[in-house]
Amino acid sequence: MILLLIAAASGLILSIFVTPVAIRILRRRAIGQFIQEEVTGHAHKQGTPTMGGVVLVGAATVGYLLAHLQVWTPSDGFGLELRPFGAGGWLVLLALVGMGVVGFLDDYIKFARKRSQGLNKRAKFGFQLLIAFGFAWGASNAGVSTELSFVRPLGLDLGILFVAWVLFLLTGAANGVNLSDGMDGLAAGSAALVVGAYTIIAFWQFRYSPPAATIYSTSVDPLEVAVVAAAMLGALLGFLWWNAPPAQIFMGDVGSQAIGGLLAAMAILTNTHMLLGVLGAIYVAETLSVIIQVVSFRTTGNRVFRMTPIHYHFDLAGWPETTVVIRFWILTGIGVALGLGLFYADFLAVEGILE
């Protein structure tokens, strides 16, 4: 528990104090957000500093590393010592930083070419595939189950398709978070709730790891996963201080891609693949709204929503931005509560688990 508190506190302190520095640097270099012309009610946000996700990734990474720095023990007193790192922590960082780099390249190209389109689809997919392959290889060697899972493995081994499944989860989560990053505080606030849930899930699996609970035997270093999650939770809360309406900085693709990679990695390493769809139901809804809109328009010529992603539908319906954001936070909280409830219910249902 001490490790989690150190990681969360470090991530929070770094994020809340480094973000205003980043805002000044980004403003000085005129690195601002491009706003789509059709989003008329948000034109005033044009030029707001973006790429704040660099702070998120950096604060979470440093928070994780600092949690392993031990400066005092009851037996030896004060002394500098490095706690051992686990494969689970490095794998989560691979997904977090790797996807963050993809987002950074996307953001940088937008800024350099002064346009709303960044990295081309082929290049982005290639980078994501490389990250997915590396993560899948590392996770498999670390002992993670390659079976499809909900709150634990379901017995359906994906085999070589595990790489494709990892790619789907990485890109799906990244796109879902990215689509929700259209209103001040929406992505950061909702992500904090989901990451907080994974902090609980991973620490729970560590607390009841084998031999106490054999159902968690294929989870990879759950304590390490929990430490990274705690560090990101702190970083998100610190960032949200500056990203809350009216936002002084946006996370950009570097932030949304990194958060998506983190969520997918934690879902895979804790064997809760499909539970992520419950915890992050708001991201599923944002993605489905875009798919439904595109399919409907191409097949019938009609639009189902005023605009997608779906938060813009309510925006154009007259809801104030803060109302949309807070209500989406509430919906995310409901999804998180349901997801944690399902996870705990499964734990209680396993015969002999409480003996």
Protein backbone atom coordinates (compact mmCIF):
# COMPACT_ATOMS: atom_id res chain seq x y z
CA MET A 1 0.00 0.00 0.00
CA ILE A 2 2.90 2.38 0.77
CA LEU A 3 4.19 1.91 -2.78
CA LEU A 4 0.82 2.95 -4.19
CA LEU A 5 0.65 6.05 -1.99
CA ILE A 6 4.16 7.12 -2.98
CA ALA A 7 3.44 6.57 -6.67
CA ALA A 8 0.12 8.44 -6.54
CA ALA A 9 1.54 11.34 -4.52
CA SER A 10 4.57 11.65 -6.81
CA GLY A 11 2.41 11.59 -9.94
CA LEU A 12 0.04 14.19 -8.47
CA ILE A 13 2.76 16.59 -7.29
CA LEU A 14 4.74 16.39 -10.51
CA SER A 15 1.68 16.82 -12.69
CA ILE A 16 0.09 19.70 -10.80
CA PHE A 17 3.32 21.71 -10.63
CA VAL A 18 4.90 20.82 -13.99
CA THR A 19 1.72 21.37 -16.05
CA PRO A 20 1.71 25.20 -15.64
CA VAL A 21 5.35 25.22 -16.74
CA ALA A 22 4.34 23.20 -19.81
CA ILE A 23 1.52 25.66 -20.50
CA ARG A 24 3.97 28.58 -20.60
CA ILE A 25 6.40 26.70 -22.85
CA LEU A 26 3.67 25.58 -25.25
CA ARG A 27 2.23 29.10 -25.45
CA ARG A 28 5.66 30.55 -26.12
CA ARG A 29 6.09 28.13 -29.02
CA ALA A 30 2.49 28.62 -30.22
CA ILE A 31 1.71 24.90 -29.95
CA GLY A 32 -2.08 25.13 -29.80
CA GLN A 33 -5.16 23.07 -30.52
CA PHE A 34 -6.82 23.07 -33.94
CA ILE A 35 -10.62 23.20 -33.67
CA GLN A 36 -12.85 21.68 -36.35
CA GLU A 37 -14.93 24.30 -38.16
CA GLU A 38 -18.17 22.39 -37.56
CA VAL A 39 -17.64 22.56 -33.77
CA THR A 40 -18.85 26.16 -33.75
CA GLY A 41 -19.43 26.47 -30.02
CA HIS A 42 -15.79 25.67 -29.27
CA ALA A 43 -14.06 28.06 -31.67
CA HIS A 44 -12.78 30.11 -28.71
CA LYS A 45 -10.54 27.16 -27.76
CA GLN A 46 -8.48 27.55 -30.93
CA GLY A 47 -4.85 27.91 -29.94
CA THR A 48 -5.21 26.53 -26.40
CA PRO A 49 -1.92 24.75 -25.55
CA THR A 50 -2.03 21.06 -26.37
CA MET A 51 0.30 18.03 -26.07
CA GLY A 52 -0.08 18.20 -22.28
CA GLY A 53 -0.10 14.42 -22.33
CA VAL A 54 3.69 14.61 -22.25
CA VAL A 55 3.37 15.74 -18.64
CA LEU A 56 0.97 12.88 -17.89
CA VAL A 57 3.29 10.24 -19.31
CA GLY A 58 6.33 11.76 -17.63
CA ALA A 59 4.68 12.18 -14.22
CA ALA A 60 3.29 8.63 -14.23
CA THR A 61 6.65 7.16 -15.27
CA VAL A 62 8.63 9.11 -12.68
CA GLY A 63 6.01 8.31 -10.03
CA TYR A 64 6.42 4.60 -10.76
CA LEU A 65 10.21 4.85 -10.55
CA LEU A 66 10.18 6.89 -7.33
CA ALA A 67 7.94 4.32 -5.67
CA HIS A 68 10.78 1.84 -6.03
CA LEU A 69 13.28 4.15 -4.34
CA GLN A 70 13.49 3.13 -0.69
CA VAL A 71 15.18 5.62 1.64
CA TRP A 72 14.27 4.13 5.02
CA THR A 73 13.54 0.73 6.53
CA PRO A 74 12.56 -0.13 10.13
CA SER A 75 15.55 -2.48 10.48
CA ASP A 76 18.33 -0.45 8.84
CA GLY A 77 17.04 3.12 9.21
CA PHE A 78 17.91 5.63 6.51
CA GLY A 79 19.70 4.39 3.42
CA LEU A 80 19.25 4.55 -0.32
CA GLU A 81 18.02 1.30 -1.81
CA LEU A 82 16.24 0.37 -5.04
CA ARG A 83 13.37 -2.06 -4.80
CA PRO A 84 13.31 -4.70 -7.55
CA PHE A 85 11.23 -3.96 -10.64
CA GLY A 86 8.86 -6.50 -12.16
CA ALA A 87 8.04 -7.45 -15.74
CA GLY A 88 4.46 -6.25 -15.29
CA GLY A 89 5.58 -2.70 -14.56
CA TRP A 90 7.89 -2.54 -17.55
CA LEU A 91 5.22 -3.98 -19.84
CA VAL A 92 2.66 -1.39 -18.74
CA LEU A 93 5.24 1.35 -19.27
CA LEU A 94 5.95 -0.06 -22.74
CA ALA A 95 2.29 0.35 -23.69
CA LEU A 96 1.99 3.74 -21.95
CA VAL A 97 5.14 5.32 -23.38
CA GLY A 98 4.98 3.51 -26.72
CA MET A 99 1.44 4.63 -27.49
CA GLY A 100 2.31 8.05 -26.12
CA VAL A 101 5.12 8.36 -28.66
CA VAL A 102 2.68 7.52 -31.46
CA GLY A 103 0.38 10.26 -30.20
CA PHE A 104 3.29 12.68 -29.89
CA LEU A 105 4.26 12.14 -33.52
CA ASP A 106 0.63 12.69 -34.51
CA ASP A 107 0.43 15.95 -32.53
CA TYR A 108 3.80 17.19 -33.75
CA ILE A 109 2.90 16.69 -37.42
CA LYS A 110 -0.34 18.62 -36.86
CA PHE A 111 1.62 21.49 -35.36
CA ALA A 112 4.43 21.43 -37.93
CA ARG A 113 2.07 21.35 -40.91
CA LYS A 114 -0.62 23.58 -39.34
CA ARG A 115 -3.46 21.17 -40.01
CA SER A 116 -5.92 19.02 -38.07
CA GLN A 117 -4.65 15.77 -39.62
CA GLY A 118 -1.41 14.32 -38.26
CA LEU A 119 0.27 10.95 -38.74
CA ASN A 120 -1.11 9.06 -41.73
CA LYS A 121 -3.16 5.93 -41.05
CA ARG A 122 -0.59 3.49 -42.44
CA ALA A 123 2.25 4.87 -40.30
CA LYS A 124 0.08 5.01 -37.18
CA PHE A 125 -1.10 1.42 -37.65
CA GLY A 126 2.47 0.28 -38.25
CA PHE A 127 3.69 1.81 -35.00
CA GLN A 128 0.72 0.44 -33.07
CA LEU A 129 1.29 -3.03 -34.53
CA LEU A 130 4.93 -2.90 -33.45
CA ILE A 131 3.94 -1.96 -29.91
CA ALA A 132 1.23 -4.65 -29.81
CA PHE A 133 3.66 -7.33 -31.01
CA GLY A 134 6.31 -6.33 -28.47
CA PHE A 135 3.79 -6.20 -25.65
CA ALA A 136 2.18 -9.54 -26.59
CA TRP A 137 5.59 -11.21 -26.79
CA GLY A 138 6.69 -9.79 -23.45
CA ALA A 139 3.41 -10.57 -21.69
CA SER A 140 3.39 -14.15 -22.99
CA ASN A 141 6.95 -14.71 -21.77
CA ALA A 142 6.01 -13.19 -18.41
CA GLY A 143 3.30 -15.83 -18.01
CA VAL A 144 0.08 -13.98 -18.81
CA SER A 145 -2.80 -16.10 -20.02
CA THR A 146 -3.43 -15.93 -23.76
CA GLU A 147 -7.04 -16.94 -23.19
CA LEU A 148 -9.92 -14.56 -23.75
CA SER A 149 -11.03 -13.18 -20.41
CA PHE A 150 -13.77 -11.19 -18.71
CA VAL A 151 -12.93 -10.97 -15.01
CA ARG A 152 -10.60 -13.97 -15.39
CA PRO A 153 -9.61 -16.36 -18.23
CA LEU A 154 -12.58 -18.04 -19.90
CA GLY A 155 -10.82 -21.11 -21.30
CA LEU A 156 -10.72 -19.98 -24.94
CA ASP A 157 -7.04 -19.82 -25.90
CA LEU A 158 -6.38 -17.27 -28.63
CA GLY A 159 -3.00 -18.69 -29.57
CA ILE A 160 -1.31 -16.67 -32.32
CA LEU A 161 -4.42 -14.47 -32.49
CA PHE A 162 -3.41 -13.08 -29.10
CA VAL A 163 -1.25 -10.51 -30.92
CA ALA A 164 -4.25 -9.39 -32.99
CA TRP A 165 -6.37 -9.21 -29.82
CA VAL A 166 -3.72 -7.07 -28.10
CA LEU A 167 -3.65 -4.77 -31.14
CA PHE A 168 -7.45 -4.50 -31.05
CA LEU A 169 -7.48 -3.63 -27.35
CA LEU A 170 -4.65 -1.11 -27.70
CA THR A 171 -6.12 0.71 -30.68
CA GLY A 172 -9.70 0.41 -29.43
CA ALA A 173 -8.90 1.88 -26.03
CA ALA A 174 -6.69 4.59 -27.55
CA ASN A 175 -9.36 5.62 -30.05
CA GLY A 176 -12.07 5.57 -27.40
CA VAL A 177 -10.13 7.88 -25.08
CA ASN A 178 -9.15 10.06 -28.04
CA LEU A 179 -12.78 10.47 -29.12
CA SER A 180 -13.78 11.49 -25.60
CA ASP A 181 -11.07 14.16 -25.55
CA GLY A 182 -13.29 16.84 -27.06
CA MET A 183 -14.49 18.75 -24.01
CA ASP A 184 -12.62 20.29 -21.11
CA GLY A 185 -11.86 17.65 -18.51
CA LEU A 186 -13.96 14.90 -20.09
CA ALA A 187 -11.15 12.50 -21.02
CA ALA A 188 -8.95 13.21 -17.99
CA GLY A 189 -11.79 12.92 -15.46
CA SER A 190 -13.25 9.73 -16.91
CA ALA A 191 -9.79 8.18 -17.30
CA ALA A 192 -9.00 8.93 -13.65
CA LEU A 193 -12.05 6.89 -12.61
CA VAL A 194 -11.15 3.91 -14.81
CA VAL A 195 -7.46 4.00 -13.84
CA GLY A 196 -8.52 4.20 -10.20
CA ALA A 197 -10.60 1.06 -10.70
CA TYR A 198 -7.60 -0.78 -12.13
CA THR A 199 -5.52 0.33 -9.17
CA ILE A 200 -8.02 -1.49 -6.95
CA ILE A 201 -8.27 -4.55 -9.21
CA ALA A 202 -4.52 -5.01 -9.56
CA PHE A 203 -3.86 -4.49 -5.84
CA TRP A 204 -6.66 -6.94 -5.02
CA GLN A 205 -5.08 -9.55 -7.25
CA PHE A 206 -1.74 -8.96 -5.52
CA ARG A 207 -3.36 -9.24 -2.10
CA TYR A 208 -4.98 -12.55 -3.04
CA SER A 209 -2.29 -13.86 -5.36
CA PRO A 210 -1.35 -17.57 -5.27
CA PRO A 211 -1.52 -19.65 -3.19
CA ALA A 212 -4.38 -17.65 -1.65
CA ALA A 213 -6.28 -17.49 -4.93
CA THR A 214 -5.30 -19.63 -7.89
CA ILE A 215 -7.66 -17.73 -10.23
CA TYR A 216 -5.05 -14.94 -10.31
CA SER A 217 -2.10 -17.22 -11.06
CA THR A 218 -1.71 -15.93 -14.63
CA SER A 219 -1.89 -12.24 -13.72
CA VAL A 220 1.52 -10.64 -14.29
CA ASP A 221 3.03 -8.74 -11.33
CA PRO A 222 -0.27 -7.23 -10.17
CA LEU A 223 1.47 -5.06 -7.55
CA GLU A 224 3.66 -3.51 -10.25
CA VAL A 225 0.59 -2.89 -12.39
CA ALA A 226 -1.14 -1.28 -9.41
CA VAL A 227 1.84 1.01 -8.79
CA VAL A 228 1.83 2.29 -12.39
CA ALA A 229 -1.95 2.74 -12.20
CA ALA A 230 -1.65 4.70 -8.94
CA ALA A 231 1.05 6.92 -10.46
CA MET A 232 -1.17 7.64 -13.48
CA LEU A 233 -4.16 8.29 -11.23
CA GLY A 234 -2.19 10.97 -9.39
CA ALA A 235 -0.92 12.41 -12.68
CA LEU A 236 -4.44 12.59 -14.11
CA LEU A 237 -5.81 14.37 -11.05
CA GLY A 238 -2.97 16.88 -11.16
CA PHE A 239 -3.50 17.46 -14.87
CA LEU A 240 -7.26 17.77 -14.38
CA TRP A 241 -6.61 20.77 -12.09
CA TRP A 242 -5.51 22.68 -15.21
CA ASN A 243 -7.67 20.83 -17.74
CA ALA A 244 -10.99 21.39 -15.93
CA PRO A 245 -13.40 23.86 -17.60
CA PRO A 246 -12.25 26.28 -18.83
CA ALA A 247 -9.21 24.23 -19.82
CA GLN A 248 -5.84 25.94 -19.89
CA ILE A 249 -4.25 22.96 -21.63
CA PHE A 250 -5.33 19.86 -23.57
CA MET A 251 -3.71 16.45 -23.38
CA GLY A 252 -3.60 15.97 -27.17
CA ASP A 253 -3.14 12.63 -28.90
CA VAL A 254 0.02 12.00 -26.89
CA GLY A 255 -2.18 11.85 -23.78
CA SER A 256 -5.17 9.98 -25.15
CA GLN A 257 -3.05 7.39 -26.97
CA ALA A 258 -0.93 6.83 -23.86
CA ILE A 259 -3.97 6.44 -21.59
CA GLY A 260 -5.55 4.01 -24.07
CA GLY A 261 -2.35 1.96 -24.16
CA LEU A 262 -2.20 1.96 -20.37
CA LEU A 263 -5.81 0.79 -19.98
CA ALA A 264 -5.39 -2.00 -22.53
CA ALA A 265 -2.14 -3.15 -20.94
CA MET A 266 -3.67 -3.29 -17.47
CA ALA A 267 -6.70 -5.20 -18.79
CA ILE A 268 -4.43 -7.77 -20.43
CA LEU A 269 -2.03 -8.24 -17.52
CA THR A 270 -4.89 -8.59 -15.00
CA ASN A 271 -6.89 -10.90 -17.31
CA THR A 272 -9.87 -8.55 -17.41
CA HIS A 273 -10.00 -7.96 -21.18
CA MET A 274 -13.72 -7.53 -21.65
CA LEU A 275 -14.28 -6.00 -18.22
CA LEU A 276 -12.52 -2.95 -19.65
CA GLY A 277 -15.60 -2.45 -21.84
CA VAL A 278 -17.72 -2.12 -18.68
CA LEU A 279 -15.30 0.06 -16.73
CA GLY A 280 -14.74 2.26 -19.77
CA ALA A 281 -18.30 2.06 -21.10
CA ILE A 282 -18.21 5.75 -21.95
CA TYR A 283 -15.39 5.11 -24.42
CA VAL A 284 -17.37 2.29 -25.99
CA ALA A 285 -20.36 4.62 -26.35
CA GLU A 286 -18.22 7.36 -27.94
CA THR A 287 -16.77 4.89 -30.45
CA LEU A 288 -20.10 3.25 -31.27
CA SER A 289 -21.73 6.64 -31.86
CA VAL A 290 -19.16 7.40 -34.56
CA ILE A 291 -19.59 3.97 -36.17
CA ILE A 292 -23.39 4.24 -36.14
CA GLN A 293 -23.27 7.73 -37.60
CA VAL A 294 -20.94 6.73 -40.45
CA VAL A 295 -22.88 3.56 -41.30
CA SER A 296 -26.23 5.37 -41.19
CA PHE A 297 -25.07 8.24 -43.38
CA ARG A 298 -23.42 5.99 -45.96
CA THR A 299 -26.37 3.60 -46.22
CA THR A 300 -29.37 5.92 -45.82
CA GLY A 301 -27.97 9.42 -46.18
CA ASN A 302 -29.37 10.32 -42.76
CA ARG A 303 -27.60 11.09 -39.50
CA VAL A 304 -28.67 9.46 -36.25
CA PHE A 305 -26.95 12.08 -34.06
CA ARG A 306 -26.57 15.82 -34.49
CA MET A 307 -22.82 15.28 -34.39
CA THR A 308 -20.38 12.64 -33.20
CA PRO A 309 -18.67 11.67 -30.97
CA ILE A 310 -21.84 11.59 -28.93
CA HIS A 311 -20.86 14.28 -26.41
CA TYR A 312 -21.18 16.81 -29.26
CA HIS A 313 -24.75 15.60 -29.85
CA PHE A 314 -25.73 16.82 -26.39
CA ASP A 315 -23.64 19.95 -26.84
CA LEU A 316 -25.61 20.87 -29.96
CA ALA A 317 -28.83 19.98 -28.12
CA GLY A 318 -28.16 22.91 -25.81
CA TRP A 319 -26.50 21.27 -22.83
CA PRO A 320 -23.76 23.47 -21.30
CA GLU A 321 -20.31 21.96 -21.70
CA THR A 322 -19.82 21.51 -17.95
CA THR A 323 -23.16 19.66 -17.75
CA VAL A 324 -22.11 17.23 -20.48
CA VAL A 325 -18.73 16.65 -18.85
CA ILE A 326 -20.07 16.07 -15.34
CA ARG A 327 -22.86 13.79 -16.53
CA PHE A 328 -20.37 11.75 -18.55
CA TRP A 329 -18.21 11.51 -15.42
CA ILE A 330 -21.26 10.21 -13.57
CA LEU A 331 -21.91 7.62 -16.29
CA THR A 332 -18.27 6.56 -16.12
CA GLY A 333 -18.59 6.23 -12.35
CA ILE A 334 -21.62 3.98 -12.80
CA GLY A 335 -19.65 1.80 -15.23
CA VAL A 336 -16.73 1.63 -12.80
CA ALA A 337 -19.01 0.69 -9.91
CA LEU A 338 -20.65 -2.03 -12.00
CA GLY A 339 -17.29 -3.34 -13.21
CA LEU A 340 -15.81 -3.49 -9.72
CA GLY A 341 -19.00 -5.16 -8.51
CA LEU A 342 -18.70 -7.87 -11.17
CA PHE A 343 -15.03 -8.38 -10.35
CA TYR A 344 -15.73 -8.77 -6.63
CA ALA A 345 -18.78 -10.96 -7.22
CA ASP A 346 -16.65 -13.35 -9.26
CA PHE A 347 -14.09 -13.43 -6.47
CA LEU A 348 -16.76 -14.39 -3.94
CA ALA A 349 -18.27 -16.98 -6.27
CA VAL A 350 -15.08 -19.01 -6.66
CA GLU A 351 -15.34 -22.02 -4.34
CA GLY A 352 -12.86 -22.00 -1.49
CA ILE A 353 -11.42 -18.57 -2.30
CA LEU A 354 -12.13 -17.17 1.18
CA GLU A 355 -10.79 -20.16 3.11
